Full PDB file with SEQRES, HELIX, SHEET, SSBOND, CRYST1, ORIGX, SCALE, CONECT and MASTER records, all heavy atoms in Angstrom:
SEQRES   1 A   41  VAL ARG PRO PRO SER TYR GLU GLY THR VAL VAL ARG ALA          
SEQRES   2 A   41  ALA ALA GLN LEU GLU GLU THR LEU ARG LYS LEU MET LYS          
SEQRES   3 A   41  LYS LYS LEU PHE GLU ALA GLU LEU LYS ARG VAL GLN GLN          
SEQRES   4 A   41  TYR ALA                                                      
HELIX    1 AA1 THR A    9  GLN A   38  1                                  30    
CRYST1    1.000    1.000    1.000  90.00  90.00  90.00 P 1           1          
ORIGX1      1.000000  0.000000  0.000000        0.00000                         
ORIGX2      0.000000  1.000000  0.000000        0.00000                         
ORIGX3      0.000000  0.000000  1.000000        0.00000                         
SCALE1      1.000000  0.000000  0.000000        0.00000                         
SCALE2      0.000000  1.000000  0.000000        0.00000                         
SCALE3      0.000000  0.000000  1.000000        0.00000                         
ATOM      1  N   VAL A   1     130.627 104.085 146.055  1.00  0.00           N  
ATOM      2  CA  VAL A   1     129.868 103.475 144.940  1.00  0.00           C  
ATOM      3  C   VAL A   1     129.138 104.601 144.199  1.00  0.00           C  
ATOM      4  O   VAL A   1     128.178 105.163 144.731  1.00  0.00           O  
ATOM      5  CB  VAL A   1     128.869 102.426 145.459  1.00  0.00           C  
ATOM      6  CG1 VAL A   1     128.056 101.864 144.285  1.00  0.00           C  
ATOM      7  CG2 VAL A   1     129.596 101.323 146.193  1.00  0.00           C  
ATOM      8  N   ARG A   2     129.625 104.939 143.045  1.00  0.00           N  
ATOM      9  CA  ARG A   2     129.014 105.987 142.242  1.00  0.00           C  
ATOM     10  C   ARG A   2     127.980 105.391 141.278  1.00  0.00           C  
ATOM     11  O   ARG A   2     128.198 104.311 140.724  1.00  0.00           O  
ATOM     12  CB  ARG A   2     130.068 106.745 141.443  1.00  0.00           C  
ATOM     13  CG  ARG A   2     131.063 107.470 142.319  1.00  0.00           C  
ATOM     14  CD  ARG A   2     132.091 108.190 141.469  1.00  0.00           C  
ATOM     15  NE  ARG A   2     133.071 108.879 142.286  1.00  0.00           N  
ATOM     16  CZ  ARG A   2     134.107 109.569 141.791  1.00  0.00           C  
ATOM     17  NH1 ARG A   2     134.252 109.618 140.457  1.00  0.00           N  
ATOM     18  NH2 ARG A   2     134.959 110.163 142.596  1.00  0.00           N  
ATOM     19  N   PRO A   3     126.878 106.090 141.069  1.00  0.00           N  
ATOM     20  CA  PRO A   3     125.870 105.569 140.115  1.00  0.00           C  
ATOM     21  C   PRO A   3     126.449 105.544 138.701  1.00  0.00           C  
ATOM     22  O   PRO A   3     127.251 106.409 138.346  1.00  0.00           O  
ATOM     23  CB  PRO A   3     124.722 106.568 140.233  1.00  0.00           C  
ATOM     24  CG  PRO A   3     125.341 107.811 140.760  1.00  0.00           C  
ATOM     25  CD  PRO A   3     126.484 107.372 141.657  1.00  0.00           C  
ATOM     26  N   PRO A   4     126.094 104.539 137.902  1.00  0.00           N  
ATOM     27  CA  PRO A   4     126.634 104.448 136.543  1.00  0.00           C  
ATOM     28  C   PRO A   4     126.172 105.633 135.680  1.00  0.00           C  
ATOM     29  O   PRO A   4     125.099 106.174 135.876  1.00  0.00           O  
ATOM     30  CB  PRO A   4     126.047 103.130 136.015  1.00  0.00           C  
ATOM     31  CG  PRO A   4     124.830 102.900 136.839  1.00  0.00           C  
ATOM     32  CD  PRO A   4     125.139 103.472 138.196  1.00  0.00           C  
ATOM     33  N   SER A   5     126.977 106.016 134.748  1.00  0.00           N  
ATOM     34  CA  SER A   5     126.640 107.130 133.858  1.00  0.00           C  
ATOM     35  C   SER A   5     125.894 106.598 132.626  1.00  0.00           C  
ATOM     36  O   SER A   5     126.397 105.743 131.905  1.00  0.00           O  
ATOM     37  CB  SER A   5     127.913 107.853 133.410  1.00  0.00           C  
ATOM     38  OG  SER A   5     127.600 108.830 132.438  1.00  0.00           O  
ATOM     39  N   TYR A   6     124.678 107.111 132.452  1.00  0.00           N  
ATOM     40  CA  TYR A   6     123.882 106.716 131.284  1.00  0.00           C  
ATOM     41  C   TYR A   6     123.835 107.828 130.239  1.00  0.00           C  
ATOM     42  O   TYR A   6     123.109 107.734 129.240  1.00  0.00           O  
ATOM     43  CB  TYR A   6     122.449 106.374 131.712  1.00  0.00           C  
ATOM     44  CG  TYR A   6     122.388 105.224 132.694  1.00  0.00           C  
ATOM     45  CD1 TYR A   6     122.044 105.444 134.024  1.00  0.00           C  
ATOM     46  CD2 TYR A   6     122.685 103.941 132.278  1.00  0.00           C  
ATOM     47  CE1 TYR A   6     121.989 104.396 134.927  1.00  0.00           C  
ATOM     48  CE2 TYR A   6     122.639 102.883 133.181  1.00  0.00           C  
ATOM     49  CZ  TYR A   6     122.286 103.113 134.505  1.00  0.00           C  
ATOM     50  OH  TYR A   6     122.246 102.066 135.385  1.00  0.00           O  
ATOM     51  N   GLU A   7     124.577 108.889 130.458  1.00  0.00           N  
ATOM     52  CA  GLU A   7     124.557 110.001 129.520  1.00  0.00           C  
ATOM     53  C   GLU A   7     125.074 109.556 128.148  1.00  0.00           C  
ATOM     54  O   GLU A   7     126.127 108.935 128.052  1.00  0.00           O  
ATOM     55  CB  GLU A   7     125.416 111.160 130.043  1.00  0.00           C  
ATOM     56  CG  GLU A   7     124.851 111.837 131.287  1.00  0.00           C  
ATOM     57  CD  GLU A   7     125.710 113.004 131.718  1.00  0.00           C  
ATOM     58  OE1 GLU A   7     126.628 113.348 130.958  1.00  0.00           O  
ATOM     59  OE2 GLU A   7     125.449 113.561 132.797  1.00  0.00           O  
ATOM     60  N   GLY A   8     124.299 109.901 127.111  1.00  0.00           N  
ATOM     61  CA  GLY A   8     124.692 109.553 125.737  1.00  0.00           C  
ATOM     62  C   GLY A   8     124.287 108.163 125.304  1.00  0.00           C  
ATOM     63  O   GLY A   8     124.397 107.832 124.120  1.00  0.00           O  
ATOM     64  N   THR A   9     123.814 107.352 126.255  1.00  0.00           N  
ATOM     65  CA  THR A   9     123.446 105.982 125.891  1.00  0.00           C  
ATOM     66  C   THR A   9     122.308 105.976 124.880  1.00  0.00           C  
ATOM     67  O   THR A   9     122.358 105.305 123.846  1.00  0.00           O  
ATOM     68  CB  THR A   9     123.047 105.179 127.140  1.00  0.00           C  
ATOM     69  OG1 THR A   9     124.114 105.205 128.077  1.00  0.00           O  
ATOM     70  CG2 THR A   9     122.712 103.745 126.773  1.00  0.00           C  
ATOM     71  N   VAL A  10     121.254 106.729 125.209  1.00  0.00           N  
ATOM     72  CA  VAL A  10     120.094 106.775 124.316  1.00  0.00           C  
ATOM     73  C   VAL A  10     120.463 107.451 122.999  1.00  0.00           C  
ATOM     74  O   VAL A  10     120.035 107.016 121.925  1.00  0.00           O  
ATOM     75  CB  VAL A  10     118.927 107.518 124.996  1.00  0.00           C  
ATOM     76  CG1 VAL A  10     117.751 107.660 124.034  1.00  0.00           C  
ATOM     77  CG2 VAL A  10     118.489 106.779 126.252  1.00  0.00           C  
ATOM     78  N   VAL A  11     121.257 108.521 123.079  1.00  0.00           N  
ATOM     79  CA  VAL A  11     121.645 109.232 121.863  1.00  0.00           C  
ATOM     80  C   VAL A  11     122.443 108.326 120.941  1.00  0.00           C  
ATOM     81  O   VAL A  11     122.206 108.252 119.728  1.00  0.00           O  
ATOM     82  CB  VAL A  11     122.452 110.500 122.210  1.00  0.00           C  
ATOM     83  CG1 VAL A  11     122.987 111.155 120.931  1.00  0.00           C  
ATOM     84  CG2 VAL A  11     121.583 111.478 122.986  1.00  0.00           C  
ATOM     85  N   ARG A  12     123.430 107.599 121.543  1.00  0.00           N  
ATOM     86  CA  ARG A  12     124.236 106.690 120.720  1.00  0.00           C  
ATOM     87  C   ARG A  12     123.383 105.572 120.134  1.00  0.00           C  
ATOM     88  O   ARG A  12     123.546 105.196 118.964  1.00  0.00           O  
ATOM     89  CB  ARG A  12     125.366 106.090 121.572  1.00  0.00           C  
ATOM     90  CG  ARG A  12     126.478 107.068 121.913  1.00  0.00           C  
ATOM     91  CD  ARG A  12     127.681 106.338 122.487  1.00  0.00           C  
ATOM     92  NE  ARG A  12     127.351 105.617 123.712  1.00  0.00           N  
ATOM     93  CZ  ARG A  12     127.384 106.144 124.946  1.00  0.00           C  
ATOM     94  NH1 ARG A  12     127.733 107.425 125.086  1.00  0.00           N  
ATOM     95  NH2 ARG A  12     127.088 105.427 125.995  1.00  0.00           N  
ATOM     96  N   ALA A  13     122.468 105.046 120.939  1.00  0.00           N  
ATOM     97  CA  ALA A  13     121.597 103.975 120.445  1.00  0.00           C  
ATOM     98  C   ALA A  13     120.699 104.485 119.326  1.00  0.00           C  
ATOM     99  O   ALA A  13     120.469 103.801 118.329  1.00  0.00           O  
ATOM    100  CB  ALA A  13     120.750 103.419 121.590  1.00  0.00           C  
ATOM    101  N   ALA A  14     120.184 105.723 119.503  1.00  0.00           N  
ATOM    102  CA  ALA A  14     119.315 106.297 118.477  1.00  0.00           C  
ATOM    103  C   ALA A  14     120.085 106.545 117.185  1.00  0.00           C  
ATOM    104  O   ALA A  14     119.571 106.306 116.089  1.00  0.00           O  
ATOM    105  CB  ALA A  14     118.698 107.590 118.979  1.00  0.00           C  
ATOM    106  N   ALA A  15     121.321 107.031 117.315  1.00  0.00           N  
ATOM    107  CA  ALA A  15     122.144 107.279 116.132  1.00  0.00           C  
ATOM    108  C   ALA A  15     122.460 105.975 115.404  1.00  0.00           C  
ATOM    109  O   ALA A  15     122.398 105.899 114.170  1.00  0.00           O  
ATOM    110  CB  ALA A  15     123.434 107.984 116.535  1.00  0.00           C  
ATOM    111  N   GLN A  16     122.790 104.949 116.195  1.00  0.00           N  
ATOM    112  CA  GLN A  16     123.070 103.649 115.599  1.00  0.00           C  
ATOM    113  C   GLN A  16     121.821 103.086 114.917  1.00  0.00           C  
ATOM    114  O   GLN A  16     121.895 102.523 113.822  1.00  0.00           O  
ATOM    115  CB  GLN A  16     123.574 102.680 116.666  1.00  0.00           C  
ATOM    116  CG  GLN A  16     123.978 101.315 116.108  1.00  0.00           C  
ATOM    117  CD  GLN A  16     124.509 100.408 117.202  1.00  0.00           C  
ATOM    118  OE1 GLN A  16     124.625 100.799 118.349  1.00  0.00           O  
ATOM    119  NE2 GLN A  16     124.816  99.172 116.821  1.00  0.00           N  
ATOM    120  N   LEU A  17     120.661 103.253 115.590  1.00  0.00           N  
ATOM    121  CA  LEU A  17     119.415 102.779 115.016  1.00  0.00           C  
ATOM    122  C   LEU A  17     119.089 103.533 113.727  1.00  0.00           C  
ATOM    123  O   LEU A  17     118.635 102.938 112.743  1.00  0.00           O  
ATOM    124  CB  LEU A  17     118.275 102.950 116.031  1.00  0.00           C  
ATOM    125  CG  LEU A  17     116.871 102.564 115.547  1.00  0.00           C  
ATOM    126  CD1 LEU A  17     116.818 101.087 115.181  1.00  0.00           C  
ATOM    127  CD2 LEU A  17     115.830 102.888 116.607  1.00  0.00           C  
ATOM    128  N   GLU A  18     119.333 104.847 113.745  1.00  0.00           N  
ATOM    129  CA  GLU A  18     119.066 105.655 112.558  1.00  0.00           C  
ATOM    130  C   GLU A  18     119.903 105.172 111.375  1.00  0.00           C  
ATOM    131  O   GLU A  18     119.404 105.047 110.256  1.00  0.00           O  
ATOM    132  CB  GLU A  18     119.370 107.117 112.847  1.00  0.00           C  
ATOM    133  CG  GLU A  18     119.080 108.043 111.671  1.00  0.00           C  
ATOM    134  CD  GLU A  18     119.417 109.489 111.983  1.00  0.00           C  
ATOM    135  OE1 GLU A  18     119.923 109.758 113.094  1.00  0.00           O  
ATOM    136  OE2 GLU A  18     119.170 110.346 111.112  1.00  0.00           O  
ATOM    137  N   GLU A  19     121.170 104.878 111.628  1.00  0.00           N  
ATOM    138  CA  GLU A  19     122.043 104.388 110.563  1.00  0.00           C  
ATOM    139  C   GLU A  19     121.585 103.020 110.064  1.00  0.00           C  
ATOM    140  O   GLU A  19     121.559 102.757 108.857  1.00  0.00           O  
ATOM    141  CB  GLU A  19     123.488 104.306 111.082  1.00  0.00           C  
ATOM    142  CG  GLU A  19     124.491 103.776 110.065  1.00  0.00           C  
ATOM    143  CD  GLU A  19     124.640 104.679 108.850  1.00  0.00           C  
ATOM    144  OE1 GLU A  19     124.242 105.862 108.929  1.00  0.00           O  
ATOM    145  OE2 GLU A  19     125.170 104.203 107.830  1.00  0.00           O  
ATOM    146  N   THR A  20     121.186 102.174 111.011  1.00  0.00           N  
ATOM    147  CA  THR A  20     120.694 100.849 110.626  1.00  0.00           C  
ATOM    148  C   THR A  20     119.433 100.965 109.788  1.00  0.00           C  
ATOM    149  O   THR A  20     119.274 100.282 108.762  1.00  0.00           O  
ATOM    150  CB  THR A  20     120.412 100.002 111.883  1.00  0.00           C  
ATOM    151  OG1 THR A  20     121.610  99.893 112.656  1.00  0.00           O  
ATOM    152  CG2 THR A  20     119.916  98.617 111.501  1.00  0.00           C  
ATOM    153  N   LEU A  21     118.520 101.841 110.225  1.00  0.00           N  
ATOM    154  CA  LEU A  21     117.275 102.036 109.494  1.00  0.00           C  
ATOM    155  C   LEU A  21     117.523 102.630 108.117  1.00  0.00           C  
ATOM    156  O   LEU A  21     116.860 102.271 107.141  1.00  0.00           O  
ATOM    157  CB  LEU A  21     116.329 102.936 110.288  1.00  0.00           C  
ATOM    158  CG  LEU A  21     115.771 102.364 111.595  1.00  0.00           C  
ATOM    159  CD1 LEU A  21     114.860 103.381 112.256  1.00  0.00           C  
ATOM    160  CD2 LEU A  21     115.030 101.068 111.346  1.00  0.00           C  
ATOM    161  N   ARG A  22     118.467 103.533 108.038  1.00  0.00           N  
ATOM    162  CA  ARG A  22     118.786 104.146 106.754  1.00  0.00           C  
ATOM    163  C   ARG A  22     119.279 103.090 105.764  1.00  0.00           C  
ATOM    164  O   ARG A  22     118.836 103.045 104.605  1.00  0.00           O  
ATOM    165  CB  ARG A  22     119.844 105.227 106.933  1.00  0.00           C  
ATOM    166  CG  ARG A  22     120.133 106.043 105.673  1.00  0.00           C  
ATOM    167  CD  ARG A  22     121.285 106.991 105.899  1.00  0.00           C  
ATOM    168  NE  ARG A  22     122.522 106.263 106.118  1.00  0.00           N  
ATOM    169  CZ  ARG A  22     123.260 105.736 105.142  1.00  0.00           C  
ATOM    170  NH1 ARG A  22     122.852 105.835 103.876  1.00  0.00           N  
ATOM    171  NH2 ARG A  22     124.370 105.096 105.414  1.00  0.00           N  
ATOM    172  N   LYS A  23     120.195 102.234 106.231  1.00  0.00           N  
ATOM    173  CA  LYS A  23     120.716 101.179 105.359  1.00  0.00           C  
ATOM    174  C   LYS A  23     119.620 100.187 104.986  1.00  0.00           C  
ATOM    175  O   LYS A  23     119.513  99.764 103.825  1.00  0.00           O  
ATOM    176  CB  LYS A  23     121.862 100.442 106.053  1.00  0.00           C  
ATOM    177  CG  LYS A  23     123.113 101.285 106.230  1.00  0.00           C  
ATOM    178  CD  LYS A  23     124.211 100.491 106.917  1.00  0.00           C  
ATOM    179  CE  LYS A  23     125.488 101.324 107.080  1.00  0.00           C  
ATOM    180  NZ  LYS A  23     126.552 100.573 107.778  1.00  0.00           N  
ATOM    181  N   LEU A  24     118.792  99.837 105.976  1.00  0.00           N  
ATOM    182  CA  LEU A  24     117.711  98.889 105.722  1.00  0.00           C  
ATOM    183  C   LEU A  24     116.693  99.486 104.764  1.00  0.00           C  
ATOM    184  O   LEU A  24     116.231  98.812 103.832  1.00  0.00           O  
ATOM    185  CB  LEU A  24     117.034  98.506 107.039  1.00  0.00           C  
ATOM    186  CG  LEU A  24     115.842  97.547 106.940  1.00  0.00           C  
ATOM    187  CD1 LEU A  24     116.289  96.214 106.349  1.00  0.00           C  
ATOM    188  CD2 LEU A  24     115.220  97.333 108.308  1.00  0.00           C  
ATOM    189  N   MET A  25     116.362 100.757 104.991  1.00  0.00           N  
ATOM    190  CA  MET A  25     115.387 101.428 104.130  1.00  0.00           C  
ATOM    191  C   MET A  25     115.915 101.501 102.696  1.00  0.00           C  
ATOM    192  O   MET A  25     115.181 101.228 101.735  1.00  0.00           O  
ATOM    193  CB  MET A  25     115.118 102.837 104.656  1.00  0.00           C  
ATOM    194  CG  MET A  25     113.945 103.537 104.002  1.00  0.00           C  
ATOM    195  SD  MET A  25     112.392 102.814 104.524  1.00  0.00           S  
ATOM    196  CE  MET A  25     111.241 103.914 103.718  1.00  0.00           C  
ATOM    197  N   LYS A  26     117.169 101.847 102.556  1.00  0.00           N  
ATOM    198  CA  LYS A  26     117.776 101.939 101.236  1.00  0.00           C  
ATOM    199  C   LYS A  26     117.763 100.580 100.551  1.00  0.00           C  
ATOM    200  O   LYS A  26     117.425 100.471  99.362  1.00  0.00           O  
ATOM    201  CB  LYS A  26     119.208 102.454 101.369  1.00  0.00           C  
ATOM    202  CG  LYS A  26     119.916 102.651 100.037  1.00  0.00           C  
ATOM    203  CD  LYS A  26     121.315 103.207 100.254  1.00  0.00           C  
ATOM    204  CE  LYS A  26     122.036 103.397  98.931  1.00  0.00           C  
ATOM    205  NZ  LYS A  26     123.411 103.915  99.126  1.00  0.00           N  
ATOM    206  N   LYS A  27     118.085  99.548 101.292  1.00  0.00           N  
ATOM    207  CA  LYS A  27     118.109  98.194 100.732  1.00  0.00           C  
ATOM    208  C   LYS A  27     116.716  97.769 100.288  1.00  0.00           C  
ATOM    209  O   LYS A  27     116.531  97.247  99.189  1.00  0.00           O  
ATOM    210  CB  LYS A  27     118.661  97.209 101.774  1.00  0.00           C  
ATOM    211  CG  LYS A  27     118.792  95.769 101.274  1.00  0.00           C  
ATOM    212  CD  LYS A  27     119.447  94.907 102.341  1.00  0.00           C  
ATOM    213  CE  LYS A  27     119.650  93.483 101.834  1.00  0.00           C  
ATOM    214  NZ  LYS A  27     118.402  92.790 101.532  1.00  0.00           N  
ATOM    215  N   LYS A  28     115.711  98.012 101.151  1.00  0.00           N  
ATOM    216  CA  LYS A  28     114.352  97.611 100.819  1.00  0.00           C  
ATOM    217  C   LYS A  28     113.815  98.395  99.628  1.00  0.00           C  
ATOM    218  O   LYS A  28     113.115  97.846  98.760  1.00  0.00           O  
ATOM    219  CB  LYS A  28     113.441  97.806 102.032  1.00  0.00           C  
ATOM    220  CG  LYS A  28     113.716  96.845 103.182  1.00  0.00           C  
ATOM    221  CD  LYS A  28     113.425  95.415 102.776  1.00  0.00           C  
ATOM    222  CE  LYS A  28     113.659  94.451 103.934  1.00  0.00           C  
ATOM    223  NZ  LYS A  28     113.407  93.047 103.517  1.00  0.00           N  
ATOM    224  N   LEU A  29     114.132  99.688  99.573  1.00  0.00           N  
ATOM    225  CA  LEU A  29     113.666 100.513  98.465  1.00  0.00           C  
ATOM    226  C   LEU A  29     114.290 100.058  97.155  1.00  0.00           C  
ATOM    227  O   LEU A  29     113.621  99.995  96.118  1.00  0.00           O  
ATOM    228  CB  LEU A  29     113.979 101.989  98.721  1.00  0.00           C  
ATOM    229  CG  LEU A  29     113.139 102.672  99.808  1.00  0.00           C  
ATOM    230  CD1 LEU A  29     113.627 104.087 100.042  1.00  0.00           C  
ATOM    231  CD2 LEU A  29     111.660 102.684  99.421  1.00  0.00           C  
ATOM    232  N   PHE A  30     115.583  99.725  97.192  1.00  0.00           N  
ATOM    233  CA  PHE A  30     116.247  99.241  95.987  1.00  0.00           C  
ATOM    234  C   PHE A  30     115.683  97.888  95.560  1.00  0.00           C  
ATOM    235  O   PHE A  30     115.545  97.605  94.368  1.00  0.00           O  
ATOM    236  CB  PHE A  30     117.754  99.139  96.204  1.00  0.00           C  
ATOM    237  CG  PHE A  30     118.476 100.448  95.997  1.00  0.00           C  
ATOM    238  CD1 PHE A  30     119.427 100.888  96.882  1.00  0.00           C  
ATOM    239  CD2 PHE A  30     118.194 101.230  94.888  1.00  0.00           C  
ATOM    240  CE1 PHE A  30     120.088 102.094  96.689  1.00  0.00           C  
ATOM    241  CE2 PHE A  30     118.845 102.441  94.686  1.00  0.00           C  
ATOM    242  CZ  PHE A  30     119.796 102.872  95.580  1.00  0.00           C  
ATOM    243  N   GLU A  31     115.378  97.049  96.549  1.00  0.00           N  
ATOM    244  CA  GLU A  31     114.769  95.757  96.218  1.00  0.00           C  
ATOM    245  C   GLU A  31     113.424  95.957  95.536  1.00  0.00           C  
ATOM    246  O   GLU A  31     113.107  95.281  94.553  1.00  0.00           O  
ATOM    247  CB  GLU A  31     114.605  94.915  97.488  1.00  0.00           C  
ATOM    248  CG  GLU A  31     115.912  94.363  98.037  1.00  0.00           C  
ATOM    249  CD  GLU A  31     115.713  93.608  99.341  1.00  0.00           C  
ATOM    250  OE1 GLU A  31     114.596  93.646  99.885  1.00  0.00           O  
ATOM    251  OE2 GLU A  31     116.675  92.971  99.818  1.00  0.00           O  
ATOM    252  N   ALA A  32     112.625  96.879  96.078  1.00  0.00           N  
ATOM    253  CA  ALA A  32     111.320  97.171  95.473  1.00  0.00           C  
ATOM    254  C   ALA A  32     111.480  97.768  94.086  1.00  0.00           C  
ATOM    255  O   ALA A  32     110.737  97.425  93.148  1.00  0.00           O  
ATOM    256  CB  ALA A  32     110.534  98.121  96.369  1.00  0.00           C  
ATOM    257  N   GLU A  33     112.453  98.680  93.936  1.00  0.00           N  
ATOM    258  CA  GLU A  33     112.701  99.303  92.640  1.00  0.00           C  
ATOM    259  C   GLU A  33     113.155  98.265  91.624  1.00  0.00           C  
ATOM    260  O   GLU A  33     112.685  98.244  90.475  1.00  0.00           O  
ATOM    261  CB  GLU A  33     113.757 100.396  92.794  1.00  0.00           C  
ATOM    262  CG  GLU A  33     114.282 100.978  91.482  1.00  0.00           C  
ATOM    263  CD  GLU A  33     113.240 101.760  90.711  1.00  0.00           C  
ATOM    264  OE1 GLU A  33     112.167 102.035  91.266  1.00  0.00           O  
ATOM    265  OE2 GLU A  33     113.492 102.076  89.535  1.00  0.00           O  
ATOM    266  N   LEU A  34     114.053  97.375  92.046  1.00  0.00           N  
ATOM    267  CA  LEU A  34     114.540  96.342  91.136  1.00  0.00           C  
ATOM    268  C   LEU A  34     113.408  95.413  90.721  1.00  0.00           C  
ATOM    269  O   LEU A  34     113.284  95.034  89.549  1.00  0.00           O  
ATOM    270  CB  LEU A  34     115.661  95.542  91.804  1.00  0.00           C  
ATOM    271  CG  LEU A  34     116.327  94.467  90.938  1.00  0.00           C  
ATOM    272  CD1 LEU A  34     116.931  95.082  89.687  1.00  0.00           C  
ATOM    273  CD2 LEU A  34     117.390  93.722  91.735  1.00  0.00           C  
ATOM    274  N   LYS A  35     112.546  95.070  91.683  1.00  0.00           N  
ATOM    275  CA  LYS A  35     111.410  94.207  91.374  1.00  0.00           C  
ATOM    276  C   LYS A  35     110.467  94.900  90.383  1.00  0.00           C  
ATOM    277  O   LYS A  35     109.879  94.256  89.512  1.00  0.00           O  
ATOM    278  CB  LYS A  35     110.663  93.859  92.656  1.00  0.00           C  
ATOM    279  CG  LYS A  35     109.566  92.804  92.471  1.00  0.00           C  
ATOM    280  CD  LYS A  35     108.864  92.520  93.775  1.00  0.00           C  
ATOM    281  CE  LYS A  35     109.795  91.912  94.799  1.00  0.00           C  
ATOM    282  NZ  LYS A  35     109.066  91.552  96.045  1.00  0.00           N  
ATOM    283  N   ARG A  36     110.338  96.220  90.520  1.00  0.00           N  
ATOM    284  CA  ARG A  36     109.462  96.963  89.615  1.00  0.00           C  
ATOM    285  C   ARG A  36     109.986  96.927  88.187  1.00  0.00           C  
ATOM    286  O   ARG A  36     109.218  96.705  87.247  1.00  0.00           O  
ATOM    287  CB  ARG A  36     109.335  98.407  90.081  1.00  0.00           C  
ATOM    288  CG  ARG A  36     108.403  99.262  89.225  1.00  0.00           C  
ATOM    289  CD  ARG A  36     108.444 100.717  89.636  1.00  0.00           C  
ATOM    290  NE  ARG A  36     109.702 101.356  89.302  1.00  0.00           N  
ATOM    291  CZ  ARG A  36     109.990 101.835  88.097  1.00  0.00           C  
ATOM    292  NH1 ARG A  36     109.107 101.760  87.113  1.00  0.00           N  
ATOM    293  NH2 ARG A  36     111.150 102.408  87.866  1.00  0.00           N  
ATOM    294  N   VAL A  37     111.279  97.174  88.002  1.00  0.00           N  
ATOM    295  CA  VAL A  37     111.819  97.232  86.643  1.00  0.00           C  
ATOM    296  C   VAL A  37     111.942  95.846  86.026  1.00  0.00           C  
ATOM    297  O   VAL A  37     111.898  95.700  84.798  1.00  0.00           O  
ATOM    298  CB  VAL A  37     113.178  97.964  86.611  1.00  0.00           C  
ATOM    299  CG1 VAL A  37     113.026  99.374  87.132  1.00  0.00           C  
ATOM    300  CG2 VAL A  37     114.251  97.215  87.394  1.00  0.00           C  
ATOM    301  N   GLN A  38     112.067  94.809  86.867  1.00  0.00           N  
ATOM    302  CA  GLN A  38     112.211  93.457  86.328  1.00  0.00           C  
ATOM    303  C   GLN A  38     110.955  92.974  85.624  1.00  0.00           C  
ATOM    304  O   GLN A  38     111.013  92.023  84.843  1.00  0.00           O  
ATOM    305  CB  GLN A  38     112.607  92.479  87.446  1.00  0.00           C  
ATOM    306  CG  GLN A  38     114.074  92.585  87.827  1.00  0.00           C  
ATOM    307  CD  GLN A  38     114.442  91.691  88.999  1.00  0.00           C  
ATOM    308  OE1 GLN A  38     113.599  91.363  89.840  1.00  0.00           O  
ATOM    309  NE2 GLN A  38     115.700  91.297  89.070  1.00  0.00           N  
ATOM    310  N   GLN A  39     109.832  93.625  85.876  1.00  0.00           N  
ATOM    311  CA  GLN A  39     108.599  93.236  85.182  1.00  0.00           C  
ATOM    312  C   GLN A  39     108.643  93.612  83.704  1.00  0.00           C  
ATOM    313  O   GLN A  39     107.813  93.163  82.916  1.00  0.00           O  
ATOM    314  CB  GLN A  39     107.386  93.875  85.845  1.00  0.00           C  
ATOM    315  CG  GLN A  39     107.331  95.384  85.738  1.00  0.00           C  
ATOM    316  CD  GLN A  39     106.088  95.984  86.390  1.00  0.00           C  
ATOM    317  OE1 GLN A  39     105.010  95.420  86.320  1.00  0.00           O  
ATOM    318  NE2 GLN A  39     106.258  97.120  87.044  1.00  0.00           N  
ATOM    319  N   TYR A  40     109.622  94.442  83.302  1.00  0.00           N  
ATOM    320  CA  TYR A  40     109.768  94.831  81.905  1.00  0.00           C  
ATOM    321  C   TYR A  40     110.871  94.022  81.212  1.00  0.00           C  
ATOM    322  O   TYR A  40     111.393  94.432  80.173  1.00  0.00           O  
ATOM    323  CB  TYR A  40     110.099  96.321  81.804  1.00  0.00           C  
ATOM    324  CG  TYR A  40     109.035  97.218  82.388  1.00  0.00           C  
ATOM    325  CD1 TYR A  40     109.194  97.816  83.644  1.00  0.00           C  
ATOM    326  CD2 TYR A  40     107.852  97.467  81.706  1.00  0.00           C  
ATOM    327  CE1 TYR A  40     108.213  98.635  84.184  1.00  0.00           C  
ATOM    328  CE2 TYR A  40     106.867  98.284  82.235  1.00  0.00           C  
ATOM    329  CZ  TYR A  40     107.061  98.862  83.479  1.00  0.00           C  
ATOM    330  OH  TYR A  40     106.085  99.671  84.011  1.00  0.00           O  
ATOM    331  N   ALA A  41     111.211  92.859  81.793  1.00  0.00           N  
ATOM    332  CA  ALA A  41     112.314  92.056  81.261  1.00  0.00           C  
ATOM    333  C   ALA A  41     112.024  91.580  79.839  1.00  0.00           C  
ATOM    334  O   ALA A  41     110.903  91.201  79.502  1.00  0.00           O  
ATOM    335  CB  ALA A  41     112.565  90.864  82.179  1.00  0.00           C  
TER     336      ALA A  41                                                      
MASTER        0    0    0    1    0    0    0    6  335    1    0    4          
END                                                                             
């Protein structure tokens, strides 16, 4: 019975989280930007 390998688990999770945050941040920033310019409609 060998112990399970956890190597790379945190790194992969962090990379996935970083990508998710990047997309979410970009989406939220664009939403805020769009809301800002819409006040000049």
